[in-house]
């Protein structure tokens, strides 16, 4: 299947349909004639160009785990603390960390 090239105007139109209207990526892709994967890629590149600082910033926050006999405390740098009673499954620990 031959590769289709889209002009910058068409790409921006498709991106605009997703970001500034209620259309899903699939619907916007169908309306502009591109693939869903291509549109996801264009949106990602567009967001990186609009806000270059977030493209290279870390997405993880360091945490401190404090282990006591009956509980584990997760403390974030901004002082947010989650206390979990042990025993604890790995899934429960990961869910608690994600909630920080």
N, C-alpha and C. Protein backbone atom coordinates (compact mmCIF):
# COMPACT_ATOMS: atom_id res chain seq x y z
N UNK A 1 0.84 -1.18 0.00
CA UNK A 1 0.00 0.00 0.00
C UNK A 1 0.89 1.24 0.00
N UNK A 2 0.68 2.17 -0.94
CA UNK A 2 1.52 3.36 -1.01
C UNK A 2 1.29 4.28 0.19
N UNK A 3 2.35 4.95 0.58
CA UNK A 3 2.28 5.88 1.70
C UNK A 3 1.66 7.19 1.24
N UNK A 4 0.75 7.73 2.05
CA UNK A 4 0.09 8.99 1.74
C UNK A 4 0.74 10.10 2.55
N UNK A 5 1.03 11.20 1.90
CA UNK A 5 1.61 12.35 2.58
C UNK A 5 0.54 13.42 2.75
N UNK A 6 0.53 14.04 3.91
CA UNK A 6 -0.46 15.06 4.22
C UNK A 6 0.24 16.39 4.41
N UNK A 7 -0.39 17.43 3.90
CA UNK A 7 0.18 18.78 4.04
C UNK A 7 0.11 19.22 5.50
N UNK A 8 0.93 20.18 5.88
CA UNK A 8 0.86 20.70 7.24
C UNK A 8 -0.53 21.26 7.58
N UNK A 9 -1.21 21.81 6.60
CA UNK A 9 -2.55 22.36 6.83
C UNK A 9 -3.54 21.26 7.21
N UNK A 10 -3.46 20.13 6.50
CA UNK A 10 -4.36 19.00 6.79
C UNK A 10 -4.05 18.43 8.18
N UNK A 11 -2.77 18.32 8.50
CA UNK A 11 -2.38 17.83 9.82
C UNK A 11 -2.92 18.73 10.92
N UNK A 12 -2.77 20.05 10.75
CA UNK A 12 -3.28 20.99 11.76
C UNK A 12 -4.79 20.94 11.86
N UNK A 13 -5.46 20.74 10.74
CA UNK A 13 -6.92 20.63 10.76
C UNK A 13 -7.34 19.40 11.56
N UNK A 14 -6.68 18.29 11.34
CA UNK A 14 -7.00 17.06 12.06
C UNK A 14 -6.70 17.20 13.55
N UNK A 15 -5.57 17.80 13.88
CA UNK A 15 -5.21 18.04 15.28
C UNK A 15 -6.25 18.94 15.94
N UNK A 16 -6.66 19.98 15.24
CA UNK A 16 -7.65 20.91 15.76
C UNK A 16 -8.99 20.22 16.02
N UNK A 17 -9.37 19.31 15.15
CA UNK A 17 -10.62 18.58 15.34
C UNK A 17 -10.61 17.80 16.66
N UNK A 18 -9.46 17.25 17.01
CA UNK A 18 -9.38 16.45 18.24
C UNK A 18 -9.24 17.35 19.47
N UNK A 19 -8.35 18.33 19.40
CA UNK A 19 -8.04 19.13 20.58
C UNK A 19 -9.08 20.20 20.89
N UNK A 20 -9.79 20.69 19.88
CA UNK A 20 -10.69 21.82 20.11
C UNK A 20 -12.14 21.53 19.77
N UNK A 21 -12.48 20.27 19.63
CA UNK A 21 -13.87 19.90 19.42
C UNK A 21 -14.13 18.62 20.19
N UNK A 22 -15.29 18.11 20.09
CA UNK A 22 -15.65 16.90 20.82
C UNK A 22 -15.42 15.62 20.00
N UNK A 23 -14.70 15.73 18.90
CA UNK A 23 -14.48 14.56 18.05
C UNK A 23 -13.40 13.66 18.64
N UNK A 24 -13.60 12.37 18.49
CA UNK A 24 -12.57 11.41 18.91
C UNK A 24 -11.46 11.39 17.86
N UNK A 25 -10.34 10.80 18.23
CA UNK A 25 -9.23 10.66 17.29
C UNK A 25 -9.66 9.83 16.10
N UNK A 26 -10.41 8.78 16.35
CA UNK A 26 -10.86 7.90 15.25
C UNK A 26 -11.75 8.65 14.27
N UNK A 27 -12.67 9.45 14.79
CA UNK A 27 -13.58 10.21 13.92
C UNK A 27 -12.82 11.27 13.13
N UNK A 28 -11.93 11.98 13.80
CA UNK A 28 -11.14 13.02 13.12
C UNK A 28 -10.25 12.39 12.05
N UNK A 29 -9.67 11.24 12.35
CA UNK A 29 -8.83 10.55 11.36
C UNK A 29 -9.66 10.14 10.15
N UNK A 30 -10.84 9.64 10.40
CA UNK A 30 -11.71 9.23 9.30
C UNK A 30 -12.09 10.43 8.44
N UNK A 31 -12.41 11.55 9.07
CA UNK A 31 -12.82 12.74 8.32
C UNK A 31 -11.69 13.33 7.50
N UNK A 32 -10.46 13.21 7.97
CA UNK A 32 -9.33 13.79 7.23
C UNK A 32 -8.62 12.78 6.34
N UNK A 33 -8.98 11.49 6.45
CA UNK A 33 -8.40 10.48 5.59
C UNK A 33 -7.05 9.95 6.04
N UNK A 34 -6.69 10.19 7.28
CA UNK A 34 -5.42 9.67 7.78
C UNK A 34 -5.70 8.49 8.71
N UNK A 35 -4.66 7.83 9.15
CA UNK A 35 -4.83 6.72 10.08
C UNK A 35 -4.87 7.26 11.52
N UNK A 36 -5.45 6.47 12.39
CA UNK A 36 -5.52 6.84 13.81
C UNK A 36 -4.11 6.97 14.38
N UNK A 37 -3.23 6.04 14.02
CA UNK A 37 -1.85 6.08 14.53
C UNK A 37 -1.13 7.34 14.07
N UNK A 38 -1.33 7.73 12.82
CA UNK A 38 -0.69 8.94 12.32
C UNK A 38 -1.19 10.16 13.08
N UNK A 39 -2.49 10.23 13.31
CA UNK A 39 -3.06 11.38 14.02
C UNK A 39 -2.56 11.43 15.46
N UNK A 40 -2.46 10.29 16.13
CA UNK A 40 -1.88 10.27 17.48
C UNK A 40 -0.46 10.82 17.46
N UNK A 41 0.31 10.43 16.46
CA UNK A 41 1.68 10.89 16.33
C UNK A 41 1.74 12.40 16.10
N UNK A 42 0.86 12.92 15.23
CA UNK A 42 0.82 14.36 14.96
C UNK A 42 0.46 15.14 16.22
N UNK A 43 -0.49 14.63 16.97
CA UNK A 43 -0.92 15.32 18.19
C UNK A 43 0.23 15.35 19.20
N UNK A 44 0.93 14.23 19.34
CA UNK A 44 2.06 14.18 20.26
C UNK A 44 3.14 15.19 19.88
N UNK A 45 3.49 15.24 18.59
CA UNK A 45 4.49 16.20 18.11
C UNK A 45 4.02 17.64 18.30
N UNK A 46 2.74 17.88 18.03
CA UNK A 46 2.17 19.22 18.19
C UNK A 46 2.27 19.67 19.65
N UNK A 47 1.91 18.79 20.58
CA UNK A 47 1.96 19.15 22.00
C UNK A 47 3.39 19.39 22.45
N UNK A 48 4.34 18.62 21.93
CA UNK A 48 5.74 18.83 22.28
C UNK A 48 6.25 20.17 21.75
N UNK A 49 5.80 20.55 20.57
CA UNK A 49 6.20 21.83 20.00
C UNK A 49 5.58 23.00 20.76
N UNK A 50 4.35 22.82 21.22
CA UNK A 50 3.66 23.88 21.94
C UNK A 50 4.21 24.08 23.35
N UNK A 51 4.70 23.01 23.95
CA UNK A 51 5.20 23.08 25.31
C UNK A 51 6.47 22.24 25.43
N UNK A 52 7.59 22.75 24.90
CA UNK A 52 8.81 21.94 24.83
C UNK A 52 9.38 21.58 26.20
N UNK A 53 9.09 22.36 27.24
CA UNK A 53 9.62 22.06 28.57
C UNK A 53 9.09 20.74 29.11
N UNK A 54 7.83 20.41 28.82
CA UNK A 54 7.25 19.18 29.34
C UNK A 54 7.74 17.96 28.60
N UNK A 55 8.27 18.13 27.40
CA UNK A 55 8.73 16.97 26.62
C UNK A 55 9.94 16.32 27.26
N UNK A 56 10.78 17.11 27.93
CA UNK A 56 11.99 16.54 28.51
C UNK A 56 11.94 16.45 30.03
N UNK A 57 10.87 16.93 30.65
CA UNK A 57 10.80 16.88 32.10
C UNK A 57 10.41 15.48 32.56
N UNK A 58 10.90 15.09 33.74
CA UNK A 58 10.57 13.75 34.23
C UNK A 58 9.09 13.64 34.58
N UNK A 59 8.55 12.45 34.41
CA UNK A 59 7.14 12.24 34.73
C UNK A 59 6.98 11.54 36.06
N UNK A 60 8.09 11.18 36.70
CA UNK A 60 8.03 10.50 37.98
C UNK A 60 8.46 11.43 39.09
N UNK A 61 7.85 11.28 40.26
CA UNK A 61 8.21 12.06 41.42
C UNK A 61 8.92 11.15 42.40
N UNK A 62 10.04 11.58 42.95
CA UNK A 62 10.72 10.73 43.92
C UNK A 62 9.87 10.60 45.18
N UNK A 63 9.89 9.43 45.78
CA UNK A 63 9.16 9.21 47.02
C UNK A 63 10.06 8.55 48.03
N UNK A 64 9.69 8.61 49.29
CA UNK A 64 10.39 7.93 50.35
C UNK A 64 9.46 6.91 50.96
N UNK A 65 9.91 5.67 51.07
CA UNK A 65 9.13 4.63 51.73
C UNK A 65 9.65 4.47 53.15
N UNK A 66 8.77 4.62 54.11
CA UNK A 66 9.13 4.44 55.51
C UNK A 66 8.46 3.16 55.97
N UNK A 67 9.27 2.17 56.34
CA UNK A 67 8.74 0.86 56.72
C UNK A 67 8.70 0.76 58.25
N UNK A 68 7.53 0.56 58.79
CA UNK A 68 7.38 0.29 60.22
C UNK A 68 6.87 -1.13 60.36
N UNK A 69 6.72 -1.60 61.57
CA UNK A 69 6.28 -2.98 61.79
C UNK A 69 4.85 -3.22 61.29
N UNK A 70 3.96 -2.22 61.42
CA UNK A 70 2.56 -2.45 61.09
C UNK A 70 2.08 -1.69 59.87
N UNK A 71 2.92 -0.80 59.32
CA UNK A 71 2.46 0.01 58.19
C UNK A 71 3.64 0.46 57.35
N UNK A 72 3.32 0.88 56.13
CA UNK A 72 4.29 1.51 55.25
C UNK A 72 3.77 2.90 54.96
N UNK A 73 4.64 3.89 55.06
CA UNK A 73 4.27 5.26 54.72
C UNK A 73 4.99 5.64 53.44
N UNK A 74 4.26 6.25 52.53
CA UNK A 74 4.83 6.81 51.31
C UNK A 74 4.79 8.32 51.48
N UNK A 75 5.96 8.96 51.43
CA UNK A 75 6.05 10.40 51.62
C UNK A 75 6.63 11.03 50.36
N UNK A 76 5.89 11.99 49.76
CA UNK A 76 6.36 12.69 48.57
C UNK A 76 7.12 13.94 48.98
N UNK A 77 7.90 14.53 48.08
CA UNK A 77 8.65 15.74 48.41
C UNK A 77 7.77 16.92 48.85
N UNK A 78 6.52 16.95 48.40
CA UNK A 78 5.65 18.05 48.80
C UNK A 78 4.91 17.77 50.11
N UNK A 79 5.27 16.67 50.77
CA UNK A 79 4.71 16.38 52.08
C UNK A 79 3.47 15.50 52.08
N UNK A 80 3.01 15.06 50.92
CA UNK A 80 1.85 14.19 50.85
C UNK A 80 2.24 12.81 51.38
N UNK A 81 1.45 12.28 52.31
CA UNK A 81 1.77 11.00 52.93
C UNK A 81 0.61 10.03 52.77
N UNK A 82 0.93 8.81 52.39
CA UNK A 82 -0.04 7.73 52.33
C UNK A 82 0.44 6.65 53.28
N UNK A 83 -0.44 6.23 54.19
CA UNK A 83 -0.09 5.17 55.15
C UNK A 83 -0.85 3.90 54.78
N UNK A 84 -0.10 2.82 54.60
CA UNK A 84 -0.68 1.53 54.21
C UNK A 84 -0.36 0.50 55.28
N UNK A 85 -1.35 -0.27 55.64
CA UNK A 85 -1.14 -1.31 56.63
C UNK A 85 -0.63 -2.57 55.95
N UNK A 86 0.34 -3.21 56.57
CA UNK A 86 0.92 -4.42 56.02
C UNK A 86 0.19 -5.62 56.58
N UNK A 87 0.18 -6.77 55.96
CA UNK A 87 0.85 -7.10 54.70
C UNK A 87 0.15 -6.45 53.52
N UNK A 88 0.90 -6.29 52.47
CA UNK A 88 0.46 -5.51 51.33
C UNK A 88 0.92 -6.18 50.05
N UNK A 89 0.03 -6.27 49.08
CA UNK A 89 0.43 -6.85 47.80
C UNK A 89 1.14 -5.79 46.97
N UNK A 90 1.89 -6.22 45.98
CA UNK A 90 2.59 -5.29 45.09
C UNK A 90 1.60 -4.40 44.36
N UNK A 91 0.46 -4.96 43.93
CA UNK A 91 -0.56 -4.18 43.24
C UNK A 91 -1.11 -3.07 44.12
N UNK A 92 -1.34 -3.38 45.41
CA UNK A 92 -1.84 -2.36 46.34
C UNK A 92 -0.80 -1.26 46.55
N UNK A 93 0.46 -1.64 46.62
CA UNK A 93 1.53 -0.66 46.80
C UNK A 93 1.63 0.25 45.57
N UNK A 94 1.59 -0.33 44.38
CA UNK A 94 1.67 0.47 43.16
C UNK A 94 0.46 1.40 43.01
N UNK A 95 -0.72 0.93 43.38
CA UNK A 95 -1.91 1.77 43.31
C UNK A 95 -1.78 2.95 44.29
N UNK A 96 -1.23 2.69 45.45
CA UNK A 96 -1.06 3.77 46.43
C UNK A 96 -0.04 4.79 45.94
N UNK A 97 1.04 4.33 45.34
CA UNK A 97 2.05 5.25 44.81
C UNK A 97 1.46 6.07 43.68
N UNK A 98 0.66 5.45 42.83
CA UNK A 98 0.04 6.19 41.72
C UNK A 98 -0.93 7.25 42.23
N UNK A 99 -1.51 7.04 43.39
CA UNK A 99 -2.47 8.02 43.92
C UNK A 99 -1.78 9.27 44.45
N UNK A 100 -0.47 9.20 44.66
CA UNK A 100 0.26 10.37 45.16
C UNK A 100 0.33 11.37 44.05
